[in-house]
Amino acid sequence: MSCPICQKAADAKYRPFCSRRCADIDLGRWLKGGYVIPGSAQEEDDPARSEDENPPRH
């Protein structure tokens, strides 16, 4: 298996990465939103909406 960041051989300690550096690069990409699962956009919860606009479901 090769490192998905730099293509070097993976190290068992950091698998699937070759080093902590490559693992940190990947984590940074996740945290910055660099990886996105394709699909339709969904509305986010808006705490400003009143209960009249969004009644509770029973």
C-alpha atoms as a PDB file:
ATOM      1  CA  MET A   1       0.000   0.000   0.000  1.00  0.00           C
ATOM      2  CA  SER A   2       1.316   3.443  -0.841  1.00  0.00           C
ATOM      3  CA  CYS A   3       0.769   6.696   1.023  1.00  0.00           C
ATOM      4  CA  PRO A   4      -2.204   8.581  -0.452  1.00  0.00           C
ATOM      5  CA  ILE A   5      -0.374  11.897  -0.008  1.00  0.00           C
ATOM      6  CA  CYS A   6       3.143  11.280  -1.367  1.00  0.00           C
ATOM      7  CA  GLN A   7       2.932   7.742  -2.818  1.00  0.00           C
ATOM      8  CA  LYS A   8       5.832   6.379  -0.683  1.00  0.00           C
ATOM      9  CA  ALA A   9       5.498   2.995   1.022  1.00  0.00           C
ATOM     10  CA  ALA A  10       3.147   3.127   4.015  1.00  0.00           C
ATOM     11  CA  ASP A  11       4.531   2.731   7.539  1.00  0.00           C
ATOM     12  CA  ALA A  12       2.548   0.392   9.814  1.00  0.00           C
ATOM     13  CA  LYS A  13       2.696   3.000  12.606  1.00  0.00           C
ATOM     14  CA  TYR A  14       0.925   5.639  10.445  1.00  0.00           C
ATOM     15  CA  ARG A  15      -0.962   3.389   8.051  1.00  0.00           C
ATOM     16  CA  PRO A  16      -2.196   4.202   5.434  1.00  0.00           C
ATOM     17  CA  PHE A  17       0.345   7.047   5.493  1.00  0.00           C
ATOM     18  CA  CYS A  18       4.137   6.891   5.398  1.00  0.00           C
ATOM     19  CA  SER A  19       4.728   9.405   8.189  1.00  0.00           C
ATOM     20  CA  ARG A  20       3.081  11.659  10.729  1.00  0.00           C
ATOM     21  CA  ARG A  21       3.673  14.563   8.350  1.00  0.00           C
ATOM     22  CA  CYS A  22       1.506  12.995   5.633  1.00  0.00           C
ATOM     23  CA  ALA A  23      -1.135  12.027   8.206  1.00  0.00           C
ATOM     24  CA  ASP A  24      -1.223  15.643   9.429  1.00  0.00           C
ATOM     25  CA  ILE A  25      -1.512  16.955   5.857  1.00  0.00           C
ATOM     26  CA  ASP A  26      -4.521  14.689   5.325  1.00  0.00           C
ATOM     27  CA  LEU A  27      -6.110  15.771   8.618  1.00  0.00           C
ATOM     28  CA  GLY A  28      -5.640  19.412   7.625  1.00  0.00           C
ATOM     29  CA  ARG A  29      -7.427  18.767   4.336  1.00  0.00           C
ATOM     30  CA  TRP A  30     -10.374  17.233   6.193  1.00  0.00           C
ATOM     31  CA  LEU A  31     -10.550  20.104   8.687  1.00  0.00           C
ATOM     32  CA  LYS A  32     -10.423  22.759   5.938  1.00  0.00           C
ATOM     33  CA  GLY A  33     -13.160  21.023   3.951  1.00  0.00           C
ATOM     34  CA  GLY A  34     -10.832  19.868   1.201  1.00  0.00           C
ATOM     35  CA  TYR A  35     -12.601  16.529   0.968  1.00  0.00           C
ATOM     36  CA  VAL A  36     -16.270  16.649   0.014  1.00  0.00           C
ATOM     37  CA  ILE A  37     -18.730  13.841  -0.509  1.00  0.00           C
ATOM     38  CA  PRO A  38     -20.732  14.636  -3.648  1.00  0.00           C
ATOM     39  CA  GLY A  39     -24.455  15.086  -3.201  1.00  0.00           C
ATOM     40  CA  SER A  40     -27.166  17.678  -3.006  1.00  0.00           C
ATOM     41  CA  ALA A  41     -26.780  20.492  -0.500  1.00  0.00           C
ATOM     42  CA  GLN A  42     -28.950  20.273   2.592  1.00  0.00           C
ATOM     43  CA  GLU A  43     -30.267  23.076   4.729  1.00  0.00           C
ATOM     44  CA  GLU A  44     -28.437  23.579   7.985  1.00  0.00           C
ATOM     45  CA  ASP A  45     -30.344  24.035  11.206  1.00  0.00           C
ATOM     46  CA  ASP A  46     -31.128  27.695  11.753  1.00  0.00           C
ATOM     47  CA  PRO A  47     -31.626  28.437  15.471  1.00  0.00           C
ATOM     48  CA  ALA A  48     -33.219  31.793  14.537  1.00  0.00           C
ATOM     49  CA  ARG A  49     -36.274  30.080  13.004  1.00  0.00           C
ATOM     50  CA  SER A  50     -39.359  30.284  15.172  1.00  0.00           C
ATOM     51  CA  GLU A  51     -41.367  27.247  16.241  1.00  0.00           C
ATOM     52  CA  ASP A  52     -44.228  28.425  13.997  1.00  0.00           C
ATOM     53  CA  GLU A  53     -42.049  27.969  10.921  1.00  0.00           C
ATOM     54  CA  ASN A  54     -40.704  24.617  12.108  1.00  0.00           C
ATOM     55  CA  PRO A  55     -43.294  22.886  14.304  1.00  0.00           C
ATOM     56  CA  PRO A  56     -42.148  19.898  16.385  1.00  0.00           C
ATOM     57  CA  ARG A  57     -42.890  16.457  14.983  1.00  0.00           C
ATOM     58  CA  HIS A  58     -44.673  13.915  17.126  1.00  0.00           C
END
